[in-house]
Amino acid sequence: MLVPSQLAGSAPSGVPQHWHDIDWCRVQQNVRAMQIRIAKACREGNWRRVKALQRMLTRSRTARYLAIRRVTENQGKRTAGVDRVLWDTPDAKWKAANGLKRHGYKPRPLRRVFIPKSNGKERPLGIPTMTDRAMQALYLLALAPIAETTGDPNSYGFRIERSTADAMGQLFVCLSKKASAQWVLEADIKGCFDHINHDWLIENVPTDKEILRKWLKAGVIHKGQLQATNAGTPQGGIISPTLANLVLDGLESQLKQHLGVTKAKKLKINVVRYADDFVITGSSKEMLENEIKPWVEQFLAVRGLQLSLEKTHVVHIDEGFDFLGWNFRKYGGKLLIKPAKKNVKAFYRKVKEVISTNKAVKQEELIRLLNPILRGWALYHQPVVAKKAYSRMDHQIFQALWRWAKRRHPNKSLDWVREKYFQTYESRSWVFATTVITESGGKEAIRLYALEATPIERHRKISGDFNPFDPSMEEMGEALRMSRMLGKLKYRKQILHLFQSQKGLCVLCKSPISRETGWHDHHIIYRSQGGGDSLDNRVLLHPICHQQLHARGLTVYKPAPPRGGLRKDLSRMR
């Protein structure tokens, strides 16, 4: 019988003396309580109190701990800035947390790197140092409640619990009905991150002006040369997406205010934005071109931005348009959302590149390389009409793998090649699969993920009014987090079972496990000590909690099952 989780030891009382002494549950509670107070003051329009609370938060010890944790656990933790310094040890993290102070702070220039874009061009990124990233993360903790409170209802990029699927869902609501708008302004901002006006940012962003000015004017080092930054916010900084959102917030609310709520409704004006990509619906082409577009241009010009003339068009819904990798178009009055042709082609190029660059690897290794790519693309398009695209792509990938297999054995017959690399699974033949020997000595079949087997599931759109820092929406946010985590884990059955049995909470700190926090699959009795891989011997922990458990020699146990059964409990949360 399962017993409730217990700890063999507890954090020392008072102020922690080491990185692994930090009580993360208490840290998160303290920071969140302060963020909720900031959001409340913002809703009330008490900006003097907002500023005072922000100052308290950015100077608090717990916020510094959380900022350091974020920059040492995200994807960029192995990417150094111009000083080539990384915080990859507990001592380094502890020293950094104690040294993270406003007084005497001077940011270093950014390290310029370039990453390829889908159109063949390169996107410039500015990589700050670890210290600068931590300072940005610290001030973001105080800025995020304001950004979420004042943000446009239908802005979905770089916001908590919002995604591209939510933007797609909102567009479906705006365009799917017979009486919906028939015309769409498809807009593109020219180099949004690179051209934002610094003076406007410093004047209008509710954060520490001096610190913000230092970040914006830090400069960039490229090919050993220091270049001044007179405009823009660097892509690569932790706080940059939030700053860009704050710049574009008001596009929806101010436009409707400019037109008047009644007129905007009559003209069928709807704005849906994801980061710097947005579309505006309307009842006529002339109105969008002659009235809405000039207003948008003026709105952007104040902020140092302008529309790209080549990529900004007004189109009829029967003609269709692409947005966020999907094509929106009405066929005989019915709106269908499909994977965009450009997105499909880019995906196939990526898959083909993986296959062509791994001609000599073992079959199981190639499958392990391809499956995350295939599953990720399939799940992205899961809420739309994608069955035909899945089927076509499965066929093209099969042909590429068949050529890969034949090339490896030019002297063997086609039947021999087929039997070696392809198997029959359930009702499907020609499944790219193989059998491997596991560590325990058993046999395990490894199969290529089938795109066509992905079920189409309608996405449940988040409410435009949702604010993660509003206590009245706490239950809604928790249910949303649980449902989306369950959706994310549905193809990882063992992890899903563990997540459900723990009610989505870390066994050690009792805080929620989310996509942002990540998780670690921990063996209660270590395998080196005879512990097995059964679910009874495994729990999910936050990565930081797992490190803390080993550093302090703590012990955890399986949580007790909830009363009334787990499924009943989870269905209630939904």
Protein backbone atom coordinates (compact mmCIF):
# COMPACT_ATOMS: atom_id res chain seq x y z
CA MET A 1 0.00 0.00 0.00
CA LEU A 2 1.28 3.46 -0.89
CA VAL A 3 2.09 5.86 1.91
CA PRO A 4 2.22 9.67 1.88
CA SER A 5 5.48 11.34 0.93
CA GLN A 6 7.89 11.98 3.79
CA LEU A 7 11.30 13.55 4.04
CA ALA A 8 14.18 12.03 5.95
CA GLY A 9 15.33 15.55 6.79
CA SER A 10 14.21 19.12 6.46
CA ALA A 11 15.80 22.37 5.42
CA PRO A 12 17.68 24.15 8.18
CA SER A 13 15.78 26.91 9.91
CA GLY A 14 16.53 30.51 9.11
CA VAL A 15 18.59 31.72 6.19
CA PRO A 16 20.04 28.96 3.97
CA GLN A 17 23.81 28.60 3.97
CA HIS A 18 24.19 26.68 0.72
CA TRP A 19 22.43 26.38 -2.66
CA HIS A 20 20.90 23.02 -1.76
CA ASP A 21 19.59 24.35 1.55
CA ILE A 22 17.06 26.58 -0.22
CA ASP A 23 13.42 25.75 0.48
CA TRP A 24 12.05 26.10 -3.05
CA CYS A 25 8.43 25.71 -2.02
CA ARG A 26 8.74 28.69 0.32
CA VAL A 27 10.69 30.67 -2.31
CA GLN A 28 7.98 30.20 -4.94
CA GLN A 29 5.19 31.00 -2.49
CA ASN A 30 6.85 34.25 -1.39
CA VAL A 31 7.55 35.41 -4.95
CA ARG A 32 4.07 34.52 -6.18
CA ALA A 33 2.42 36.31 -3.23
CA MET A 34 4.33 39.47 -4.13
CA GLN A 35 3.46 39.09 -7.83
CA ILE A 36 -0.23 38.78 -6.97
CA ARG A 37 0.00 42.03 -4.96
CA ILE A 38 1.66 43.78 -7.92
CA ALA A 39 -1.07 42.59 -10.30
CA LYS A 40 -3.78 43.75 -7.89
CA ALA A 41 -2.24 47.22 -7.59
CA CYS A 42 -1.97 47.34 -11.38
CA ARG A 43 -5.68 46.46 -11.84
CA GLU A 44 -6.55 49.23 -9.37
CA GLY A 45 -4.38 51.75 -11.24
CA ASN A 46 -2.25 52.39 -8.15
CA TRP A 47 1.07 52.79 -9.99
CA ARG A 48 2.84 54.25 -6.98
CA ARG A 49 2.18 51.03 -5.07
CA VAL A 50 3.16 48.98 -8.10
CA LYS A 51 6.55 50.66 -8.17
CA ALA A 52 7.07 50.15 -4.42
CA LEU A 53 6.15 46.46 -4.63
CA GLN A 54 8.41 45.94 -7.64
CA ARG A 55 11.27 47.48 -5.72
CA MET A 56 10.64 45.16 -2.76
CA LEU A 57 10.51 42.08 -5.00
CA THR A 58 13.68 42.81 -6.99
CA ARG A 59 15.60 43.35 -3.77
CA SER A 60 14.32 40.22 -2.03
CA ARG A 61 16.51 37.20 -1.44
CA THR A 62 13.87 34.72 -2.65
CA ALA A 63 13.48 36.49 -6.02
CA ARG A 64 17.25 36.35 -6.54
CA TYR A 65 17.24 32.60 -5.86
CA LEU A 66 14.44 32.07 -8.38
CA ALA A 67 16.18 34.22 -11.01
CA ILE A 68 19.41 32.23 -10.68
CA ARG A 69 17.44 28.98 -10.85
CA ARG A 70 15.76 30.02 -14.08
CA VAL A 71 18.93 30.92 -15.97
CA THR A 72 20.74 27.78 -14.79
CA GLU A 73 17.95 25.38 -15.75
CA ASN A 74 16.73 26.68 -19.11
CA GLN A 75 18.02 25.70 -22.57
CA GLY A 76 20.66 28.44 -22.57
CA LYS A 77 22.40 27.28 -19.39
CA ARG A 78 25.32 25.94 -21.46
CA THR A 79 25.64 29.07 -23.61
CA ALA A 80 28.05 31.65 -22.25
CA GLY A 81 28.18 35.37 -22.95
CA VAL A 82 31.22 37.48 -23.81
CA ASP A 83 32.85 36.66 -20.45
CA ARG A 84 32.63 32.89 -21.17
CA VAL A 85 31.38 32.30 -17.60
CA LEU A 86 28.87 29.53 -16.75
CA TRP A 87 27.22 28.78 -13.42
CA ASP A 88 27.33 25.00 -13.53
CA THR A 89 28.10 24.20 -9.87
CA PRO A 90 26.07 24.74 -6.67
CA ASP A 91 28.83 26.97 -5.26
CA ALA A 92 28.82 29.15 -8.39
CA LYS A 93 25.02 29.49 -8.21
CA TRP A 94 25.14 30.38 -4.51
CA LYS A 95 27.85 32.98 -5.05
CA ALA A 96 25.91 34.46 -7.98
CA ALA A 97 22.70 34.69 -5.93
CA ASN A 98 24.44 36.62 -3.17
CA GLY A 99 26.15 38.93 -5.67
CA LEU A 100 23.05 39.79 -7.71
CA LYS A 101 22.48 43.41 -6.66
CA ARG A 102 21.38 46.61 -8.32
CA HIS A 103 24.06 48.79 -6.71
CA GLY A 104 27.11 48.94 -8.94
CA TYR A 105 25.55 46.78 -11.64
CA LYS A 106 26.86 47.36 -15.15
CA PRO A 107 25.81 44.99 -17.97
CA ARG A 108 28.36 43.57 -20.40
CA PRO A 109 27.92 43.79 -24.19
CA LEU A 110 25.99 41.02 -25.91
CA ARG A 111 27.65 38.23 -27.87
CA ARG A 112 26.30 38.20 -31.43
CA VAL A 113 25.39 34.85 -32.98
CA PHE A 114 23.27 34.02 -36.01
CA ILE A 115 20.74 31.20 -36.42
CA PRO A 116 19.12 30.17 -39.72
CA LYS A 117 15.52 31.20 -40.53
CA SER A 118 12.98 29.18 -42.51
CA ASN A 119 13.32 31.52 -45.51
CA GLY A 120 17.06 30.87 -45.80
CA LYS A 121 18.13 34.11 -44.09
CA GLU A 122 19.76 34.39 -40.67
CA ARG A 123 18.27 35.71 -37.43
CA PRO A 124 20.67 37.73 -35.23
CA LEU A 125 20.69 36.79 -31.56
CA GLY A 126 22.33 38.70 -28.73
CA ILE A 127 23.56 36.44 -25.93
CA PRO A 128 23.93 38.23 -22.56
CA THR A 129 26.29 37.05 -19.83
CA MET A 130 24.93 34.85 -17.05
CA THR A 131 24.88 37.83 -14.67
CA ASP A 132 22.90 39.94 -17.14
CA ARG A 133 20.49 37.08 -17.82
CA ALA A 134 19.92 36.65 -14.08
CA MET A 135 19.26 40.39 -13.64
CA GLN A 136 16.78 40.28 -16.51
CA ALA A 137 15.07 37.24 -14.98
CA LEU A 138 14.93 39.06 -11.63
CA TYR A 139 13.27 42.17 -13.05
CA LEU A 140 11.01 40.04 -15.23
CA LEU A 141 9.52 38.55 -12.06
CA ALA A 142 8.34 42.05 -11.18
CA LEU A 143 7.31 43.00 -14.73
CA ALA A 144 5.39 39.85 -15.71
CA PRO A 145 2.32 40.56 -13.48
CA ILE A 146 1.92 43.95 -15.16
CA ALA A 147 2.40 42.55 -18.69
CA GLU A 148 -0.24 39.88 -18.03
CA THR A 149 -2.68 42.35 -16.48
CA THR A 150 -2.43 45.08 -19.13
CA GLY A 151 -1.90 42.83 -22.16
CA ASP A 152 -4.41 42.62 -25.01
CA PRO A 153 -6.98 39.83 -24.53
CA ASN A 154 -6.08 38.20 -27.84
CA SER A 155 -2.30 38.44 -27.60
CA TYR A 156 -0.92 34.89 -27.31
CA GLY A 157 2.84 35.02 -27.83
CA PHE A 158 5.31 34.64 -24.94
CA ARG A 159 2.59 34.70 -22.31
CA ILE A 160 1.88 32.26 -19.49
CA GLU A 161 -0.27 29.25 -20.54
CA ARG A 162 -0.88 30.76 -24.00
CA SER A 163 0.22 29.21 -27.27
CA THR A 164 -0.09 29.28 -31.06
CA ALA A 165 -3.02 26.86 -30.75
CA ASP A 166 -4.90 29.47 -28.69
CA ALA A 167 -4.33 32.06 -31.42
CA MET A 168 -5.58 29.56 -34.00
CA GLY A 169 -8.65 28.85 -31.86
CA GLN A 170 -9.47 32.55 -31.60
CA LEU A 171 -9.20 32.98 -35.37
CA PHE A 172 -11.56 30.05 -35.82
CA VAL A 173 -14.07 31.81 -33.56
CA CYS A 174 -13.70 35.05 -35.57
CA LEU A 175 -13.90 33.54 -39.08
CA SER A 176 -15.85 30.28 -38.99
CA LYS A 177 -19.45 31.52 -38.94
CA LYS A 178 -21.51 32.44 -41.97
CA ALA A 179 -21.87 36.03 -40.73
CA SER A 180 -18.15 36.33 -39.82
CA ALA A 181 -15.74 38.78 -41.41
CA GLN A 182 -14.76 37.91 -44.99
CA TRP A 183 -11.61 40.03 -45.28
CA VAL A 184 -8.33 39.74 -43.42
CA LEU A 185 -5.38 42.13 -43.09
CA GLU A 186 -2.35 39.85 -42.92
CA ALA A 187 0.39 42.02 -41.40
CA ASP A 188 4.13 41.63 -40.90
CA ILE A 189 6.32 44.01 -38.90
CA LYS A 190 9.68 44.78 -40.44
CA GLY A 191 12.46 43.66 -38.05
CA CYS A 192 10.34 44.15 -34.93
CA PHE A 193 12.96 43.33 -32.30
CA ASP A 194 15.68 45.34 -34.10
CA HIS A 195 13.86 48.67 -34.51
CA ILE A 196 11.92 49.32 -31.30
CA ASN A 197 12.42 52.91 -30.16
CA HIS A 198 14.51 53.05 -26.97
CA ASP A 199 13.03 56.34 -25.78
CA TRP A 200 9.51 54.93 -26.05
CA LEU A 201 10.53 51.81 -24.10
CA ILE A 202 12.18 53.75 -21.29
CA GLU A 203 9.24 56.14 -21.06
CA ASN A 204 6.41 53.57 -21.13
CA VAL A 205 7.65 50.27 -19.67
CA PRO A 206 6.85 50.16 -15.90
CA THR A 207 10.19 48.95 -14.60
CA ASP A 208 13.44 50.38 -13.25
CA LYS A 209 14.34 53.02 -15.88
CA GLU A 210 18.05 53.11 -15.10
CA ILE A 211 18.47 49.34 -15.35
CA LEU A 212 16.41 49.20 -18.55
CA ARG A 213 18.50 51.95 -20.14
CA LYS A 214 21.70 50.05 -19.28
CA TRP A 215 20.39 46.89 -20.96
CA LEU A 216 19.28 48.69 -24.10
CA LYS A 217 22.56 50.59 -24.48
CA ALA A 218 24.90 47.70 -23.58
CA GLY A 219 26.09 47.21 -27.18
CA VAL A 220 26.96 44.09 -29.17
CA ILE A 221 30.30 42.40 -29.84
CA HIS A 222 30.52 40.94 -33.35
CA LYS A 223 33.77 39.64 -34.84
CA GLY A 224 35.69 41.24 -32.00
CA GLN A 225 34.20 44.70 -32.62
CA LEU A 226 31.95 46.59 -30.20
CA GLN A 227 28.83 47.93 -31.93
CA ALA A 228 26.50 50.44 -30.32
CA THR A 229 22.79 49.60 -29.95
CA ASN A 230 20.67 52.66 -30.68
CA ALA A 231 17.37 50.87 -31.27
CA GLY A 232 15.72 47.52 -30.67
CA THR A 233 15.73 44.95 -27.93
CA PRO A 234 18.03 41.96 -28.50
CA GLN A 235 16.57 38.58 -29.46
CA GLY A 236 18.12 36.22 -26.94
CA GLY A 237 17.52 38.18 -23.76
CA ILE A 238 15.10 36.70 -21.22
CA ILE A 239 13.13 39.91 -20.84
CA SER A 240 13.08 40.83 -24.57
CA PRO A 241 9.85 38.96 -25.53
CA THR A 242 7.97 40.64 -22.67
CA LEU A 243 9.32 44.06 -23.70
CA ALA A 244 8.20 43.43 -27.29
CA ASN A 245 4.75 42.42 -26.03
CA LEU A 246 4.49 45.62 -23.99
CA VAL A 247 5.41 47.63 -27.08
CA LEU A 248 2.64 46.04 -29.17
CA ASP A 249 0.03 45.86 -26.40
CA GLY A 250 -2.74 48.30 -27.20
CA LEU A 251 -2.94 47.29 -30.85
CA GLU A 252 -6.25 45.57 -30.15
CA SER A 253 -7.65 47.67 -27.29
CA GLN A 254 -6.66 51.07 -28.70
CA LEU A 255 -7.91 50.21 -32.18
CA LYS A 256 -11.36 49.31 -30.82
CA GLN A 257 -11.27 52.42 -28.64
CA HIS A 258 -10.38 54.53 -31.69
CA LEU A 259 -13.27 53.12 -33.73
CA GLY A 260 -15.70 52.82 -30.84
CA VAL A 261 -16.88 49.50 -29.49
CA THR A 262 -20.17 49.57 -31.41
CA LYS A 263 -18.57 50.52 -34.73
CA ALA A 264 -15.78 47.95 -34.30
CA LYS A 265 -18.38 45.23 -33.73
CA LYS A 266 -20.39 46.39 -36.75
CA LEU A 267 -17.26 46.37 -38.95
CA LYS A 268 -16.34 42.89 -37.56
CA ILE A 269 -12.94 44.08 -36.34
CA ASN A 270 -10.95 41.40 -34.53
CA VAL A 271 -7.24 41.46 -33.77
CA VAL A 272 -5.32 38.24 -33.12
CA ARG A 273 -1.62 38.58 -32.34
CA TYR A 274 1.20 36.16 -31.60
CA ALA A 275 4.38 38.09 -30.71
CA ASP A 276 5.02 40.34 -33.74
CA ASP A 277 2.73 38.39 -36.12
CA PHE A 278 -0.88 39.54 -36.25
CA VAL A 279 -4.01 39.54 -38.40
CA ILE A 280 -6.98 41.90 -38.34
CA THR A 281 -10.38 40.84 -39.65
CA GLY A 282 -12.88 43.22 -41.21
CA SER A 283 -16.11 43.43 -43.20
CA SER A 284 -14.61 45.03 -46.35
CA LYS A 285 -11.32 45.31 -48.20
CA GLU A 286 -11.61 49.09 -48.57
CA MET A 287 -12.10 49.63 -44.86
CA LEU A 288 -9.06 47.53 -43.94
CA GLU A 289 -6.84 49.23 -46.54
CA ASN A 290 -8.00 52.83 -46.13
CA GLU A 291 -8.87 53.07 -42.44
CA ILE A 292 -7.37 50.23 -40.39
CA LYS A 293 -3.98 49.89 -42.08
CA PRO A 294 -3.07 53.63 -41.81
CA TRP A 295 -4.04 53.59 -38.12
CA VAL A 296 -1.84 50.53 -37.52
CA GLU A 297 1.07 52.21 -39.34
CA GLN A 298 0.70 55.29 -37.13
CA PHE A 299 0.46 53.11 -34.00
CA LEU A 300 3.71 51.37 -34.93
CA ALA A 301 5.54 54.51 -36.08
CA VAL A 302 5.35 56.02 -32.58
CA ARG A 303 7.22 52.93 -31.35
CA GLY A 304 9.84 53.06 -34.11
CA LEU A 305 8.28 50.23 -36.13
CA GLN A 306 6.82 49.90 -39.61
CA LEU A 307 4.93 47.32 -41.65
CA SER A 308 6.69 45.29 -44.32
CA LEU A 309 5.03 46.41 -47.58
CA GLU A 310 5.93 43.16 -49.36
CA LYS A 311 4.46 40.88 -46.69
CA THR A 312 1.39 42.90 -45.66
CA HIS A 313 -1.74 42.06 -47.68
CA VAL A 314 -5.51 42.24 -47.50
CA VAL A 315 -6.99 38.91 -48.61
CA HIS A 316 -10.46 37.37 -48.88
CA ILE A 317 -11.11 34.37 -46.68
CA ASP A 318 -12.03 32.31 -49.78
CA GLU A 319 -8.50 32.98 -51.06
CA GLY A 320 -6.98 32.04 -47.70
CA PHE A 321 -3.91 33.13 -45.78
CA ASP A 322 -1.06 31.59 -43.77
CA PHE A 323 -0.58 32.29 -40.06
CA LEU A 324 1.69 30.49 -37.57
CA GLY A 325 2.30 27.54 -39.90
CA TRP A 326 -1.39 27.01 -40.78
CA ASN A 327 -3.50 27.93 -43.78
CA PHE A 328 -6.91 29.47 -43.03
CA ARG A 329 -9.38 29.27 -45.91
CA LYS A 330 -13.10 28.82 -46.53
CA TYR A 331 -14.24 26.12 -48.93
CA GLY A 332 -17.88 26.56 -49.93
CA GLY A 333 -18.52 28.68 -46.85
CA LYS A 334 -16.82 26.24 -44.45
CA LEU A 335 -13.59 27.31 -42.73
CA LEU A 336 -10.83 24.69 -42.85
CA ILE A 337 -7.50 25.11 -41.10
CA LYS A 338 -4.71 23.01 -42.60
CA PRO A 339 -0.91 22.82 -42.29
CA ALA A 340 0.56 25.52 -44.55
CA LYS A 341 2.45 24.34 -47.63
CA LYS A 342 5.57 26.25 -46.56
CA ASN A 343 5.47 24.57 -43.14
CA VAL A 344 5.07 21.10 -44.69
CA LYS A 345 7.96 21.66 -47.09
CA ALA A 346 10.24 22.99 -44.34
CA PHE A 347 9.40 19.99 -42.16
CA TYR A 348 10.17 17.49 -44.93
CA ARG A 349 13.50 19.21 -45.64
CA LYS A 350 14.40 18.83 -41.95
CA VAL A 351 13.50 15.13 -41.90
CA LYS A 352 15.32 14.49 -45.17
CA GLU A 353 18.43 16.25 -43.84
CA VAL A 354 18.46 13.99 -40.74
CA ILE A 355 18.17 10.89 -42.94
CA SER A 356 20.83 11.99 -45.44
CA THR A 357 23.35 13.01 -42.76
CA ASN A 358 23.01 9.69 -40.90
CA LYS A 359 23.65 7.17 -43.67
CA ALA A 360 25.88 4.92 -41.58
CA VAL A 361 24.14 4.91 -38.17
CA LYS A 362 22.24 1.94 -36.76
CA GLN A 363 18.55 1.75 -37.56
CA GLU A 364 17.49 2.19 -33.92
CA GLU A 365 19.63 5.34 -33.66
CA LEU A 366 17.99 6.84 -36.76
CA ILE A 367 14.54 6.07 -35.34
CA ARG A 368 15.46 7.76 -32.05
CA LEU A 369 16.62 10.84 -33.99
CA LEU A 370 13.48 11.03 -36.13
CA ASN A 371 10.73 10.20 -33.62
CA PRO A 372 10.92 13.43 -31.54
CA ILE A 373 10.85 15.50 -34.77
CA LEU A 374 7.90 13.57 -36.20
CA ARG A 375 5.92 13.55 -32.95
CA GLY A 376 6.53 17.28 -32.34
CA TRP A 377 5.29 18.24 -35.82
CA ALA A 378 2.30 15.92 -35.60
CA LEU A 379 1.21 17.25 -32.19
CA TYR A 380 1.59 20.85 -33.37
CA HIS A 381 -0.92 20.23 -36.17
CA GLN A 382 -3.13 17.90 -34.12
CA PRO A 383 -5.93 20.49 -33.58
CA VAL A 384 -6.41 21.20 -37.32
CA VAL A 385 -7.43 19.35 -40.50
CA ALA A 386 -4.16 17.51 -40.93
CA LYS A 387 -4.98 13.86 -41.78
CA LYS A 388 -4.28 14.32 -45.48
CA ALA A 389 -0.97 16.10 -44.75
CA TYR A 390 -0.01 13.33 -42.29
CA SER A 391 -0.71 10.61 -44.86
CA ARG A 392 1.19 12.37 -47.64
CA MET A 393 4.15 13.05 -45.36
CA ASP A 394 4.23 9.43 -44.10
CA HIS A 395 4.51 8.29 -47.72
CA GLN A 396 7.32 10.73 -48.54
CA ILE A 397 9.26 9.75 -45.40
CA PHE A 398 8.79 6.06 -46.26
CA GLN A 399 10.28 6.66 -49.72
CA ALA A 400 13.27 8.50 -48.19
CA LEU A 401 13.86 5.64 -45.69
CA TRP A 402 13.48 3.01 -48.43
CA ARG A 403 16.22 4.76 -50.42
CA TRP A 404 18.32 4.95 -47.23
CA ALA A 405 17.95 1.20 -46.65
CA LYS A 406 18.67 0.18 -50.27
CA ARG A 407 21.78 2.38 -50.40
CA ARG A 408 23.27 0.49 -47.43
CA HIS A 409 23.02 -2.90 -49.13
CA PRO A 410 23.53 -2.50 -52.90
CA ASN A 411 24.27 -6.23 -53.36
CA LYS A 412 21.22 -7.53 -51.48
CA SER A 413 17.77 -8.23 -52.92
CA LEU A 414 14.86 -5.91 -52.27
CA ASP A 415 13.06 -8.65 -50.28
CA TRP A 416 16.10 -9.01 -48.03
CA VAL A 417 16.23 -5.24 -47.44
CA ARG A 418 12.52 -5.18 -46.65
CA GLU A 419 12.74 -8.01 -44.10
CA LYS A 420 15.73 -6.39 -42.38
CA TYR A 421 14.36 -2.85 -41.98
CA PHE A 422 10.58 -3.12 -42.19
CA GLN A 423 8.06 -5.05 -40.10
CA THR A 424 4.33 -5.60 -39.86
CA TYR A 425 2.74 -3.97 -36.83
CA GLU A 426 -0.95 -4.45 -36.06
CA SER A 427 -2.76 -3.68 -39.31
CA ARG A 428 0.15 -1.78 -40.86
CA SER A 429 2.81 -3.27 -43.08
CA TRP A 430 6.09 -1.73 -44.13
CA VAL A 431 6.68 -0.23 -40.68
CA PHE A 432 10.23 1.05 -40.28
CA ALA A 433 11.15 -0.84 -37.11
CA THR A 434 13.74 -3.03 -35.41
CA THR A 435 14.21 -5.05 -32.23
CA VAL A 436 16.89 -4.17 -29.65
CA ILE A 437 18.20 -5.84 -26.52
CA THR A 438 17.44 -3.88 -23.32
CA GLU A 439 19.73 -3.51 -20.27
CA SER A 440 17.78 -6.23 -18.46
CA GLY A 441 18.41 -8.64 -21.34
CA GLY A 442 14.89 -8.54 -22.80
CA LYS A 443 13.80 -7.57 -26.31
CA GLU A 444 12.15 -4.28 -27.21
CA ALA A 445 10.64 -3.21 -30.53
CA ILE A 446 11.49 0.32 -31.69
CA ARG A 447 9.23 1.75 -34.40
CA LEU A 448 9.15 4.93 -36.40
CA TYR A 449 6.39 7.24 -35.24
CA ALA A 450 3.45 7.16 -37.67
CA LEU A 451 2.08 10.64 -38.38
CA GLU A 452 -1.20 9.23 -39.68
CA ALA A 453 -1.84 7.50 -36.33
CA THR A 454 -2.05 10.89 -34.57
CA PRO A 455 -5.70 11.56 -33.67
CA ILE A 456 -7.16 14.97 -34.54
CA GLU A 457 -8.27 16.66 -31.32
CA ARG A 458 -9.92 20.06 -31.04
CA HIS A 459 -7.91 22.50 -28.94
CA ARG A 460 -9.64 24.06 -25.97
CA LYS A 461 -8.83 27.76 -26.23
CA ILE A 462 -7.81 29.73 -23.18
CA SER A 463 -10.06 32.60 -22.15
CA GLY A 464 -8.78 35.97 -23.35
CA ASP A 465 -9.39 37.39 -19.86
CA PHE A 466 -7.22 34.78 -18.12
CA ASN A 467 -4.64 36.31 -15.77
CA PRO A 468 -2.30 33.87 -13.98
CA PHE A 469 -1.75 36.44 -11.23
CA ASP A 470 -5.44 36.88 -10.37
CA PRO A 471 -6.38 34.69 -7.35
CA SER A 472 -9.97 34.39 -8.62
CA MET A 473 -8.62 32.54 -11.67
CA GLU A 474 -6.36 30.21 -9.69
CA GLU A 475 -8.64 27.19 -10.13
CA MET A 476 -9.01 27.85 -13.85
CA GLY A 477 -5.23 28.09 -14.25
CA GLU A 478 -4.60 24.87 -12.31
CA ALA A 479 -7.15 22.93 -14.37
CA LEU A 480 -5.62 24.34 -17.55
CA ARG A 481 -2.09 23.37 -16.46
CA MET A 482 -3.20 19.84 -15.60
CA SER A 483 -5.12 19.26 -18.82
CA ARG A 484 -2.26 20.54 -21.00
CA MET A 485 0.33 18.50 -19.14
CA LEU A 486 -1.86 15.41 -19.53
CA GLY A 487 -2.06 16.15 -23.26
CA LYS A 488 1.70 16.60 -23.47
CA LEU A 489 2.39 13.32 -21.68
CA LYS A 490 -0.25 11.11 -23.33
CA TYR A 491 2.37 9.36 -25.48
CA ARG A 492 4.65 8.80 -22.48
CA LYS A 493 2.40 6.42 -20.59
CA GLN A 494 4.65 5.70 -17.61
CA ILE A 495 5.45 9.39 -17.00
CA LEU A 496 1.75 10.19 -17.39
CA HIS A 497 0.85 7.58 -14.75
CA LEU A 498 3.40 9.02 -12.32
CA PHE A 499 2.20 12.57 -13.00
CA GLN A 500 -1.41 11.58 -12.31
CA SER A 501 -0.58 9.62 -9.15
CA GLN A 502 1.19 12.73 -7.77
CA LYS A 503 -1.66 15.06 -8.82
CA GLY A 504 0.84 17.00 -10.89
CA LEU A 505 3.02 17.97 -7.91
CA CYS A 506 6.70 17.39 -7.17
CA VAL A 507 6.98 14.83 -4.36
CA LEU A 508 9.73 16.80 -2.60
CA CYS A 509 8.63 20.45 -2.67
CA LYS A 510 4.89 19.91 -3.38
CA SER A 511 4.95 22.58 -6.12
CA PRO A 512 3.38 22.00 -9.56
CA ILE A 513 5.30 20.21 -12.31
CA SER A 514 4.82 22.02 -15.61
CA ARG A 515 6.30 22.25 -19.09
CA GLU A 516 8.43 25.15 -17.91
CA THR A 517 9.83 23.46 -14.80
CA GLY A 518 10.49 20.09 -16.42
CA TRP A 519 10.83 16.91 -14.38
CA HIS A 520 13.19 14.10 -13.40
CA ASP A 521 12.18 10.42 -13.20
CA HIS A 522 13.68 9.40 -9.83
CA HIS A 523 14.18 5.85 -8.51
CA ILE A 524 13.36 5.69 -4.77
CA ILE A 525 15.64 2.67 -4.30
CA TYR A 526 18.58 3.22 -6.64
CA ARG A 527 19.11 0.65 -9.35
CA SER A 528 22.69 0.21 -8.12
CA GLN A 529 21.17 -0.95 -4.81
CA GLY A 530 18.78 -3.41 -6.40
CA GLY A 531 15.83 -1.09 -7.11
CA GLY A 532 13.74 -1.92 -10.17
CA ASP A 533 12.17 0.14 -12.95
CA SER A 534 8.60 -0.54 -11.85
CA LEU A 535 6.29 2.43 -11.24
CA ASP A 536 6.16 1.56 -7.52
CA ASN A 537 9.83 2.52 -7.28
CA ARG A 538 9.64 5.79 -9.24
CA VAL A 539 8.48 9.35 -8.61
CA LEU A 540 8.68 12.63 -10.51
CA LEU A 541 10.74 15.50 -9.11
CA HIS A 542 11.75 18.93 -10.33
CA PRO A 543 15.35 18.83 -11.67
CA ILE A 544 16.47 21.22 -8.91
CA CYS A 545 14.68 19.12 -6.26
CA HIS A 546 16.40 16.01 -7.57
CA GLN A 547 19.79 17.67 -7.19
CA GLN A 548 18.83 18.81 -3.69
CA LEU A 549 17.70 15.32 -2.72
CA HIS A 550 21.06 13.78 -3.63
CA ALA A 551 23.12 16.63 -2.16
CA ARG A 552 21.39 16.44 1.22
CA GLY A 553 20.78 12.69 1.33
CA LEU A 554 16.98 13.00 1.52
CA THR A 555 14.50 10.19 0.97
CA VAL A 556 11.08 10.30 -0.68
CA TYR A 557 8.22 7.81 -0.78
CA LYS A 558 5.30 7.21 -3.11
CA PRO A 559 2.31 9.49 -2.48
CA ALA A 560 -0.92 7.95 -1.25
CA PRO A 561 -3.68 7.62 -3.87
CA PRO A 562 -6.39 10.30 -3.62
CA ARG A 563 -9.72 9.42 -2.04
CA GLY A 564 -12.40 8.42 -4.48
CA GLY A 565 -9.86 7.38 -7.09
CA LEU A 566 -7.49 9.35 -9.25
CA ARG A 567 -9.63 9.59 -12.37
CA LYS A 568 -12.54 11.08 -10.45
CA ASP A 569 -10.23 13.64 -8.87
CA LEU A 570 -8.73 14.66 -12.21
CA SER A 571 -12.10 14.87 -13.97
CA ARG A 572 -13.21 17.27 -11.26
CA MET A 573 -10.18 19.46 -11.97
CA ARG A 574 -11.00 19.64 -15.67
